[in-house]
Amino acid sequence: MQIILNGESRDVTDGLTVRALLESLGLEPERVAIELDGSIVRKPEWSSTALRPGARIEVVHFVGGG
């Protein structure tokens, strides 16, 4: 199925969860926030939130500095 990830079309496995998407991208869950179809998805919900065809996901990376 196709989703839109940070503005770009991407093919993913049907029923992929938010957590599985992050793992497939090699991203550290502690350093990102997820927006799905305009709403923030809380970390405790990542494993139970399955993506649907056409889903729009924005992954925001936190960057430390000092």
PDB file of N, CA and C in Angstrom:
ATOM      1  N   MET A   1       0.846  -1.179   0.000  1.00  0.00           N
ATOM      2  CA  MET A   1       0.000   0.000   0.000  1.00  0.00           C
ATOM      3  C   MET A   1       0.884   1.232   0.000  1.00  0.00           C
ATOM      4  N   GLN A   2       0.320   2.341  -0.392  1.00  0.00           N
ATOM      5  CA  GLN A   2       1.081   3.589  -0.431  1.00  0.00           C
ATOM      6  C   GLN A   2       0.647   4.521   0.688  1.00  0.00           C
ATOM      7  N   ILE A   3       1.639   5.183   1.285  1.00  0.00           N
ATOM      8  CA  ILE A   3       1.407   6.224   2.268  1.00  0.00           C
ATOM      9  C   ILE A   3       2.204   7.447   1.824  1.00  0.00           C
ATOM     10  N   ILE A   4       1.959   8.556   2.488  1.00  0.00           N
ATOM     11  CA  ILE A   4       2.750   9.763   2.252  1.00  0.00           C
ATOM     12  C   ILE A   4       3.567   9.998   3.515  1.00  0.00           C
ATOM     13  N   LEU A   5       4.877   9.903   3.389  1.00  0.00           N
ATOM     14  CA  LEU A   5       5.783  10.063   4.520  1.00  0.00           C
ATOM     15  C   LEU A   5       6.602  11.321   4.318  1.00  0.00           C
ATOM     16  N   ASN A   6       6.389  12.298   5.190  1.00  0.00           N
ATOM     17  CA  ASN A   6       7.085  13.587   5.094  1.00  0.00           C
ATOM     18  C   ASN A   6       6.993  14.156   3.677  1.00  0.00           C
ATOM     19  N   GLY A   7       5.795  14.061   3.098  1.00  0.00           N
ATOM     20  CA  GLY A   7       5.536  14.677   1.797  1.00  0.00           C
ATOM     21  C   GLY A   7       5.890  13.829   0.589  1.00  0.00           C
ATOM     22  N   GLU A   8       6.441  12.623   0.809  1.00  0.00           N
ATOM     23  CA  GLU A   8       6.830  11.771  -0.313  1.00  0.00           C
ATOM     24  C   GLU A   8       6.078  10.449  -0.277  1.00  0.00           C
ATOM     25  N   SER A   9       5.645   9.987  -1.437  1.00  0.00           N
ATOM     26  CA  SER A   9       4.940   8.715  -1.542  1.00  0.00           C
ATOM     27  C   SER A   9       5.902   7.574  -1.248  1.00  0.00           C
ATOM     28  N   ARG A  10       5.387   6.571  -0.511  1.00  0.00           N
ATOM     29  CA  ARG A  10       6.229   5.427  -0.145  1.00  0.00           C
ATOM     30  C   ARG A  10       5.355   4.181  -0.103  1.00  0.00           C
ATOM     31  N   ASP A  11       5.887   3.078  -0.634  1.00  0.00           N
ATOM     32  CA  ASP A  11       5.210   1.781  -0.558  1.00  0.00           C
ATOM     33  C   ASP A  11       5.596   1.101   0.742  1.00  0.00           C
ATOM     34  N   VAL A  12       4.587   0.606   1.479  1.00  0.00           N
ATOM     35  CA  VAL A  12       4.828  -0.120   2.728  1.00  0.00           C
ATOM     36  C   VAL A  12       3.926  -1.342   2.775  1.00  0.00           C
ATOM     37  N   THR A  13       4.200  -2.234   3.698  1.00  0.00           N
ATOM     38  CA  THR A  13       3.411  -3.442   3.893  1.00  0.00           C
ATOM     39  C   THR A  13       2.032  -3.099   4.449  1.00  0.00           C
ATOM     40  N   ASP A  14       1.003  -3.766   3.967  1.00  0.00           N
ATOM     41  CA  ASP A  14      -0.341  -3.573   4.504  1.00  0.00           C
ATOM     42  C   ASP A  14      -0.344  -3.815   6.008  1.00  0.00           C
ATOM     43  N   GLY A  15      -1.073  -2.969   6.743  1.00  0.00           N
ATOM     44  CA  GLY A  15      -1.223  -3.152   8.182  1.00  0.00           C
ATOM     45  C   GLY A  15      -0.026  -2.753   9.020  1.00  0.00           C
ATOM     46  N   LEU A  16       0.971  -2.121   8.415  1.00  0.00           N
ATOM     47  CA  LEU A  16       2.164  -1.682   9.135  1.00  0.00           C
ATOM     48  C   LEU A  16       1.758  -0.728  10.256  1.00  0.00           C
ATOM     49  N   THR A  17       2.345  -0.905  11.439  1.00  0.00           N
ATOM     50  CA  THR A  17       2.064   0.013  12.544  1.00  0.00           C
ATOM     51  C   THR A  17       3.052   1.173  12.525  1.00  0.00           C
ATOM     52  N   VAL A  18       2.729   2.202  13.267  1.00  0.00           N
ATOM     53  CA  VAL A  18       3.632   3.352  13.380  1.00  0.00           C
ATOM     54  C   VAL A  18       4.988   2.888  13.909  1.00  0.00           C
ATOM     55  N   ARG A  19       4.979   2.062  14.958  1.00  0.00           N
ATOM     56  CA  ARG A  19       6.252   1.585  15.527  1.00  0.00           C
ATOM     57  C   ARG A  19       7.058   0.788  14.501  1.00  0.00           C
ATOM     58  N   ALA A  20       6.400  -0.097  13.753  1.00  0.00           N
ATOM     59  CA  ALA A  20       7.096  -0.896  12.743  1.00  0.00           C
ATOM     60  C   ALA A  20       7.664  -0.002  11.636  1.00  0.00           C
ATOM     61  N   LEU A  21       6.946   1.051  11.287  1.00  0.00           N
ATOM     62  CA  LEU A  21       7.457   1.998  10.287  1.00  0.00           C
ATOM     63  C   LEU A  21       8.745   2.641  10.781  1.00  0.00           C
ATOM     64  N   LEU A  22       8.742   3.103  12.020  1.00  0.00           N
ATOM     65  CA  LEU A  22       9.945   3.719  12.577  1.00  0.00           C
ATOM     66  C   LEU A  22      11.119   2.745  12.601  1.00  0.00           C
ATOM     67  N   GLU A  23      10.839   1.508  12.990  1.00  0.00           N
ATOM     68  CA  GLU A  23      11.898   0.491  13.005  1.00  0.00           C
ATOM     69  C   GLU A  23      12.451   0.254  11.610  1.00  0.00           C
ATOM     70  N   SER A  24      11.563   0.203  10.607  1.00  0.00           N
ATOM     71  CA  SER A  24      12.024  -0.037   9.233  1.00  0.00           C
ATOM     72  C   SER A  24      12.856   1.126   8.708  1.00  0.00           C
ATOM     73  N   LEU A  25      12.621   2.313   9.259  1.00  0.00           N
ATOM     74  CA  LEU A  25      13.386   3.496   8.851  1.00  0.00           C
ATOM     75  C   LEU A  25      14.670   3.657   9.670  1.00  0.00           C
ATOM     76  N   GLY A  26      14.838   2.814  10.691  1.00  0.00           N
ATOM     77  CA  GLY A  26      16.031   2.893  11.531  1.00  0.00           C
ATOM     78  C   GLY A  26      16.048   4.120  12.428  1.00  0.00           C
ATOM     79  N   LEU A  27      14.863   4.600  12.822  1.00  0.00           N
ATOM     80  CA  LEU A  27      14.788   5.793  13.653  1.00  0.00           C
ATOM     81  C   LEU A  27      14.665   5.428  15.127  1.00  0.00           C
ATOM     82  N   GLU A  28      15.281   6.243  15.991  1.00  0.00           N
ATOM     83  CA  GLU A  28      15.205   6.039  17.422  1.00  0.00           C
ATOM     84  C   GLU A  28      13.893   6.623  17.939  1.00  0.00           C
ATOM     85  N   PRO A  29      13.028   5.802  18.520  1.00  0.00           N
ATOM     86  CA  PRO A  29      11.726   6.285  18.981  1.00  0.00           C
ATOM     87  C   PRO A  29      11.809   7.415  20.003  1.00  0.00           C
ATOM     88  N   GLU A  30      12.883   7.463  20.768  1.00  0.00           N
ATOM     89  CA  GLU A  30      13.033   8.503  21.789  1.00  0.00           C
ATOM     90  C   GLU A  30      13.245   9.886  21.187  1.00  0.00           C
ATOM     91  N   ARG A  31      13.628   9.938  19.920  1.00  0.00           N
ATOM     92  CA  ARG A  31      14.006  11.221  19.326  1.00  0.00           C
ATOM     93  C   ARG A  31      13.073  11.706  18.222  1.00  0.00           C
ATOM     94  N   VAL A  32      11.851  11.142  18.175  1.00  0.00           N
ATOM     95  CA  VAL A  32      10.922  11.578  17.133  1.00  0.00           C
ATOM     96  C   VAL A  32       9.523  11.788  17.703  1.00  0.00           C
ATOM     97  N   ALA A  33       8.744  12.570  16.980  1.00  0.00           N
ATOM     98  CA  ALA A  33       7.310  12.729  17.230  1.00  0.00           C
ATOM     99  C   ALA A  33       6.611  12.370  15.925  1.00  0.00           C
ATOM    100  N   ILE A  34       5.396  11.836  16.034  1.00  0.00           N
ATOM    101  CA  ILE A  34       4.660  11.362  14.868  1.00  0.00           C
ATOM    102  C   ILE A  34       3.326  12.084  14.746  1.00  0.00           C
ATOM    103  N   GLU A  35       3.062  12.577  13.550  1.00  0.00           N
ATOM    104  CA  GLU A  35       1.752  13.130  13.216  1.00  0.00           C
ATOM    105  C   GLU A  35       1.155  12.243  12.136  1.00  0.00           C
ATOM    106  N   LEU A  36      -0.061  11.777  12.364  1.00  0.00           N
ATOM    107  CA  LEU A  36      -0.760  10.916  11.417  1.00  0.00           C
ATOM    108  C   LEU A  36      -2.060  11.589  11.021  1.00  0.00           C
ATOM    109  N   ASP A  37      -2.186  11.910   9.744  1.00  0.00           N
ATOM    110  CA  ASP A  37      -3.386  12.551   9.214  1.00  0.00           C
ATOM    111  C   ASP A  37      -3.798  13.772  10.039  1.00  0.00           C
ATOM    112  N   GLY A  38      -2.808  14.566  10.425  1.00  0.00           N
ATOM    113  CA  GLY A  38      -3.072  15.827  11.106  1.00  0.00           C
ATOM    114  C   GLY A  38      -3.177  15.757  12.616  1.00  0.00           C
ATOM    115  N   SER A  39      -3.033  14.565  13.214  1.00  0.00           N
ATOM    116  CA  SER A  39      -3.121  14.420  14.665  1.00  0.00           C
ATOM    117  C   SER A  39      -1.852  13.764  15.202  1.00  0.00           C
ATOM    118  N   ILE A  40      -1.411  14.231  16.362  1.00  0.00           N
ATOM    119  CA  ILE A  40      -0.249  13.640  17.007  1.00  0.00           C
ATOM    120  C   ILE A  40      -0.617  12.253  17.521  1.00  0.00           C
ATOM    121  N   VAL A  41       0.270  11.288  17.301  1.00  0.00           N
ATOM    122  CA  VAL A  41       0.080   9.938  17.830  1.00  0.00           C
ATOM    123  C   VAL A  41       1.020   9.794  19.023  1.00  0.00           C
ATOM    124  N   ARG A  42       0.452   9.520  20.189  1.00  0.00           N
ATOM    125  CA  ARG A  42       1.264   9.369  21.401  1.00  0.00           C
ATOM    126  C   ARG A  42       2.054   8.060  21.359  1.00  0.00           C
ATOM    127  N   LYS A  43       3.240   8.073  21.926  1.00  0.00           N
ATOM    128  CA  LYS A  43       4.125   6.904  21.892  1.00  0.00           C
ATOM    129  C   LYS A  43       3.454   5.619  22.376  1.00  0.00           C
ATOM    130  N   PRO A  44       2.647   5.643  23.436  1.00  0.00           N
ATOM    131  CA  PRO A  44       2.016   4.387  23.863  1.00  0.00           C
ATOM    132  C   PRO A  44       1.075   3.789  22.808  1.00  0.00           C
ATOM    133  N   GLU A  45       0.654   4.592  21.837  1.00  0.00           N
ATOM    134  CA  GLU A  45      -0.271   4.134  20.797  1.00  0.00           C
ATOM    135  C   GLU A  45       0.427   3.666  19.525  1.00  0.00           C
ATOM    136  N   TRP A  46       1.742   3.833  19.429  1.00  0.00           N
ATOM    137  CA  TRP A  46       2.457   3.511  18.195  1.00  0.00           C
ATOM    138  C   TRP A  46       2.317   2.049  17.796  1.00  0.00           C
ATOM    139  N   SER A  47       2.386   1.149  18.753  1.00  0.00           N
ATOM    140  CA  SER A  47       2.325  -0.285  18.428  1.00  0.00           C
ATOM    141  C   SER A  47       0.940  -0.736  17.998  1.00  0.00           C
ATOM    142  N   SER A  48      -0.082  -0.015  18.409  1.00  0.00           N
ATOM    143  CA  SER A  48      -1.456  -0.420  18.087  1.00  0.00           C
ATOM    144  C   SER A  48      -2.074   0.412  16.961  1.00  0.00           C
ATOM    145  N   THR A  49      -1.342   1.388  16.447  1.00  0.00           N
ATOM    146  CA  THR A  49      -1.876   2.249  15.389  1.00  0.00           C
ATOM    147  C   THR A  49      -1.380   1.748  14.028  1.00  0.00           C
ATOM    148  N   ALA A  50      -2.293   1.111  13.293  1.00  0.00           N
ATOM    149  CA  ALA A  50      -1.965   0.592  11.962  1.00  0.00           C
ATOM    150  C   ALA A  50      -2.183   1.685  10.921  1.00  0.00           C
ATOM    151  N   LEU A  51      -1.308   1.726   9.951  1.00  0.00           N
ATOM    152  CA  LEU A  51      -1.423   2.696   8.869  1.00  0.00           C
ATOM    153  C   LEU A  51      -2.400   2.190   7.826  1.00  0.00           C
ATOM    154  N   ARG A  52      -3.114   3.113   7.213  1.00  0.00           N
ATOM    155  CA  ARG A  52      -4.061   2.781   6.157  1.00  0.00           C
ATOM    156  C   ARG A  52      -3.549   3.347   4.836  1.00  0.00           C
ATOM    157  N   PRO A  53      -4.024   2.785   3.723  1.00  0.00           N
ATOM    158  CA  PRO A  53      -3.613   3.336   2.423  1.00  0.00           C
ATOM    159  C   PRO A  53      -3.906   4.838   2.354  1.00  0.00           C
ATOM    160  N   GLY A  54      -2.930   5.595   1.865  1.00  0.00           N
ATOM    161  CA  GLY A  54      -3.084   7.037   1.724  1.00  0.00           C
ATOM    162  C   GLY A  54      -2.807   7.823   2.985  1.00  0.00           C
ATOM    163  N   ALA A  55      -2.431   7.141   4.073  1.00  0.00           N
ATOM    164  CA  ALA A  55      -2.132   7.836   5.328  1.00  0.00           C
ATOM    165  C   ALA A  55      -1.040   8.868   5.096  1.00  0.00           C
ATOM    166  N   ARG A  56      -1.171   9.985   5.788  1.00  0.00           N
ATOM    167  CA  ARG A  56      -0.158  11.045   5.721  1.00  0.00           C
ATOM    168  C   ARG A  56       0.555  11.105   7.058  1.00  0.00           C
ATOM    169  N   ILE A  57       1.834  10.767   7.027  1.00  0.00           N
ATOM    170  CA  ILE A  57       2.642  10.709   8.238  1.00  0.00           C
ATOM    171  C   ILE A  57       3.756  11.739   8.153  1.00  0.00           C
ATOM    172  N   GLU A  58       3.892  12.494   9.233  1.00  0.00           N
ATOM    173  CA  GLU A  58       5.019  13.412   9.366  1.00  0.00           C
ATOM    174  C   GLU A  58       5.845  12.926  10.547  1.00  0.00           C
ATOM    175  N   VAL A  59       7.124  12.699  10.327  1.00  0.00           N
ATOM    176  CA  VAL A  59       8.045  12.298  11.381  1.00  0.00           C
ATOM    177  C   VAL A  59       8.932  13.504  11.660  1.00  0.00           C
ATOM    178  N   VAL A  60       8.890  13.967  12.913  1.00  0.00           N
ATOM    179  CA  VAL A  60       9.682  15.124  13.317  1.00  0.00           C
ATOM    180  C   VAL A  60      10.805  14.625  14.215  1.00  0.00           C
ATOM    181  N   HIS A  61      12.031  14.959  13.852  1.00  0.00           N
ATOM    182  CA  HIS A  61      13.226  14.553  14.616  1.00  0.00           C
ATOM    183  C   HIS A  61      13.585  15.655  15.596  1.00  0.00           C
ATOM    184  N   PHE A  62      13.869  15.262  16.823  1.00  0.00           N
ATOM    185  CA  PHE A  62      14.358  16.209  17.822  1.00  0.00           C
ATOM    186  C   PHE A  62      15.871  16.259  17.723  1.00  0.00           C
ATOM    187  N   VAL A  63      16.406  17.449  17.712  1.00  0.00           N
ATOM    188  CA  VAL A  63      17.841  17.632  17.603  1.00  0.00           C
ATOM    189  C   VAL A  63      18.318  18.368  18.849  1.00  0.00           C
ATOM    190  N   GLY A  64      19.296  17.793  19.506  1.00  0.00           N
ATOM    191  CA  GLY A  64      19.838  18.432  20.704  1.00  0.00           C
ATOM    192  C   GLY A  64      20.913  19.441  20.337  1.00  0.00           C
ATOM    193  N   GLY A  65      21.118  20.366  21.196  1.00  0.00           N
ATOM    194  CA  GLY A  65      22.155  21.371  20.958  1.00  0.00           C
ATOM    195  C   GLY A  65      22.479  22.046  22.260  1.00  0.00           C
ATOM    196  N   GLY A  66      23.398  22.949  22.160  1.00  0.00           N
ATOM    197  CA  GLY A  66      23.738  23.603  23.410  1.00  0.00           C
ATOM    198  C   GLY A  66      24.616  24.759  23.229  1.00  0.00           C
TER     199      GLY A  66
END
